[in-house]
């Protein structure tokens, strides 16, 4: 079935305008955008392409959830499962939690409220502040101390993202 859909996609792909190809390429990187991009290409059979791409993506691309990000952060930093949901305010827990929230916003379609519920924060504002803080760390190329190790934030995020791709 996947081979048939792939050949169907290739047939329609030859009829697309260059901007539609960019839309499809970006949907491979971010499959959550497909639901919003469906109505853009309606003429000349282009509307049939995006649903077929959605079917192929459903079987070919792993959708990342908030729990996946949580597990990846705990795995890379060797934290016990459930640590990020604790109410602890120590840096050994709060910094990994902030990074996990940033990665949830980057790799999932979850809202701030859904992310906050998963990490047992009181309001969505906690997730907003965490994402803003990690973006500032990335902009300044800062290091964070987690456990007995200093991590450059960019390297740590890259390592967790590689773990998410497994």
Protein backbone atom coordinates (compact mmCIF):
# COMPACT_ATOMS: atom_id res chain seq x y z
CA UNK A 1 0.00 0.00 0.00
CA UNK A 2 2.84 2.41 0.83
CA UNK A 3 4.48 1.81 -2.58
CA UNK A 4 1.21 2.60 -4.34
CA UNK A 5 0.77 5.82 -2.37
CA UNK A 6 4.36 6.82 -3.01
CA UNK A 7 3.92 6.46 -6.77
CA UNK A 8 0.63 8.38 -6.49
CA UNK A 9 2.47 11.17 -4.67
CA UNK A 10 5.17 11.24 -7.34
CA UNK A 11 2.49 11.57 -10.04
CA UNK A 12 0.90 14.56 -8.35
CA UNK A 13 4.26 15.99 -7.33
CA UNK A 14 5.14 16.60 -11.00
CA UNK A 15 2.05 18.86 -11.35
CA UNK A 16 2.86 21.15 -8.41
CA UNK A 17 4.03 24.73 -8.41
CA UNK A 18 7.40 25.34 -6.65
CA UNK A 19 5.70 26.90 -3.61
CA UNK A 20 3.57 23.76 -3.21
CA UNK A 21 6.74 21.66 -3.18
CA UNK A 22 8.07 23.82 -0.36
CA UNK A 23 4.79 23.27 1.51
CA UNK A 24 5.17 19.49 1.16
CA UNK A 25 8.83 19.55 2.19
CA UNK A 26 7.97 21.58 5.27
CA UNK A 27 5.17 19.15 6.09
CA UNK A 28 7.70 16.31 6.16
CA UNK A 29 9.62 18.27 8.81
CA UNK A 30 6.48 19.28 10.71
CA UNK A 31 3.54 16.94 10.04
CA UNK A 32 1.24 18.87 12.40
CA UNK A 33 1.10 21.70 9.80
CA UNK A 34 -0.65 19.45 7.25
CA UNK A 35 -4.06 20.00 8.77
CA UNK A 36 -3.69 23.76 8.23
CA UNK A 37 -2.22 23.61 4.73
CA UNK A 38 -4.84 21.48 3.01
CA UNK A 39 -6.93 24.23 1.45
CA UNK A 40 -4.08 26.11 -0.24
CA UNK A 41 -3.79 24.03 -3.42
CA UNK A 42 -7.26 23.18 -4.72
CA UNK A 43 -6.97 23.48 -8.50
CA UNK A 44 -5.70 20.88 -11.01
CA UNK A 45 -5.90 17.92 -8.63
CA UNK A 46 -3.53 19.45 -6.10
CA UNK A 47 -6.04 19.01 -3.29
CA UNK A 48 -5.72 15.24 -3.70
CA UNK A 49 -1.97 15.37 -3.07
CA UNK A 50 -1.99 16.56 0.52
CA UNK A 51 -4.36 13.86 1.83
CA UNK A 52 -2.20 11.19 0.20
CA UNK A 53 0.91 12.76 1.74
CA UNK A 54 -0.88 12.70 5.09
CA UNK A 55 -1.48 8.95 4.76
CA UNK A 56 2.15 8.32 3.85
CA UNK A 57 3.37 10.52 6.69
CA UNK A 58 1.15 8.76 9.18
CA UNK A 59 3.00 5.53 8.43
CA UNK A 60 6.46 6.98 7.80
CA UNK A 61 6.90 9.76 10.37
CA UNK A 62 6.83 9.21 14.09
CA UNK A 63 4.70 11.85 15.81
CA UNK A 64 6.39 13.14 18.94
CA UNK A 65 4.29 13.51 22.08
CA UNK A 66 4.93 15.39 25.31
CA UNK A 67 5.57 12.07 27.05
CA UNK A 68 8.21 11.20 24.41
CA UNK A 69 10.04 14.46 25.08
CA UNK A 70 9.82 13.86 28.83
CA UNK A 71 11.29 10.36 28.44
CA UNK A 72 14.07 11.59 26.12
CA UNK A 73 15.15 14.35 28.52
CA UNK A 74 15.15 11.93 31.46
CA UNK A 75 17.05 9.37 29.40
CA UNK A 76 19.79 11.72 28.20
CA UNK A 77 20.27 13.30 31.63
CA UNK A 78 19.89 9.95 33.46
CA UNK A 79 17.06 11.20 35.64
CA UNK A 80 14.51 8.80 37.13
CA UNK A 81 11.20 8.64 35.28
CA UNK A 82 8.68 11.12 36.70
CA UNK A 83 11.34 13.52 37.96
CA UNK A 84 10.21 16.32 35.66
CA UNK A 85 6.63 16.10 37.00
CA UNK A 86 7.76 16.70 40.56
CA UNK A 87 7.24 20.04 42.28
CA UNK A 88 10.99 20.29 43.03
CA UNK A 89 12.52 23.70 42.41
CA UNK A 90 16.18 22.69 42.50
CA UNK A 91 18.21 23.41 39.38
CA UNK A 92 18.84 19.72 38.82
CA UNK A 93 15.12 19.34 38.15
CA UNK A 94 13.93 22.77 37.01
CA UNK A 95 16.52 23.26 34.25
CA UNK A 96 15.78 19.91 32.58
CA UNK A 97 12.06 20.66 32.96
CA UNK A 98 12.52 24.02 31.18
CA UNK A 99 14.41 22.34 28.35
CA UNK A 100 11.71 19.67 28.07
CA UNK A 101 9.00 22.36 27.85
CA UNK A 102 10.97 24.17 25.12
CA UNK A 103 11.33 20.92 23.16
CA UNK A 104 7.63 20.13 23.60
CA UNK A 105 6.74 23.45 22.00
CA UNK A 106 9.24 22.87 19.21
CA UNK A 107 8.38 19.25 18.34
CA UNK A 108 4.74 18.78 19.29
CA UNK A 109 1.47 20.49 18.54
CA UNK A 110 0.68 20.67 22.26
CA UNK A 111 -0.55 23.93 23.72
CA UNK A 112 1.04 25.65 26.69
CA UNK A 113 -1.85 24.40 28.83
CA UNK A 114 -1.38 20.77 27.79
CA UNK A 115 2.36 20.97 28.42
CA UNK A 116 1.78 22.57 31.82
CA UNK A 117 -0.66 19.83 32.79
CA UNK A 118 1.84 17.13 31.87
CA UNK A 119 4.57 18.74 33.97
CA UNK A 120 2.05 19.50 36.75
CA UNK A 121 2.54 23.26 36.67
CA UNK A 122 -0.15 25.53 38.09
CA UNK A 123 -0.76 27.61 34.95
CA UNK A 124 0.23 27.79 31.31
CA UNK A 125 2.36 30.82 32.16
CA UNK A 126 4.99 28.47 33.60
CA UNK A 127 5.46 26.90 30.17
CA UNK A 128 5.62 30.32 28.49
CA UNK A 129 8.31 31.50 30.92
CA UNK A 130 10.31 28.28 30.52
CA UNK A 131 10.32 28.50 26.74
CA UNK A 132 11.38 32.15 26.90
CA UNK A 133 14.21 31.31 29.32
CA UNK A 134 15.60 28.52 27.13
CA UNK A 135 15.44 30.76 24.04
CA UNK A 136 17.51 33.32 25.97
CA UNK A 137 20.03 30.61 26.91
CA UNK A 138 20.31 29.61 23.26
CA UNK A 139 20.73 33.20 22.10
CA UNK A 140 23.56 33.76 24.61
CA UNK A 141 25.07 30.28 24.01
CA UNK A 142 25.01 29.62 27.76
CA UNK A 143 25.86 26.54 29.75
CA UNK A 144 23.70 25.02 32.48
CA UNK A 145 24.81 22.88 35.39
CA UNK A 146 22.74 19.72 35.63
CA UNK A 147 23.87 17.27 38.23
CA UNK A 148 27.67 17.23 38.33
CA UNK A 149 28.07 18.22 34.68
CA UNK A 150 28.03 21.52 32.77
CA UNK A 151 26.17 21.34 29.45
CA UNK A 152 26.12 23.89 26.65
CA UNK A 153 22.39 24.32 26.06
CA UNK A 154 22.67 23.96 22.28
CA UNK A 155 24.62 20.68 22.58
CA UNK A 156 22.19 19.33 25.15
CA UNK A 157 19.17 20.15 22.99
CA UNK A 158 20.84 18.57 19.94
CA UNK A 159 21.54 15.41 21.93
CA UNK A 160 17.96 15.18 23.19
CA UNK A 161 16.62 15.78 19.66
CA UNK A 162 18.77 12.89 18.36
CA UNK A 163 17.28 10.73 21.11
CA UNK A 164 13.77 11.79 20.02
CA UNK A 165 14.49 10.64 16.47
CA UNK A 166 15.20 7.06 17.59
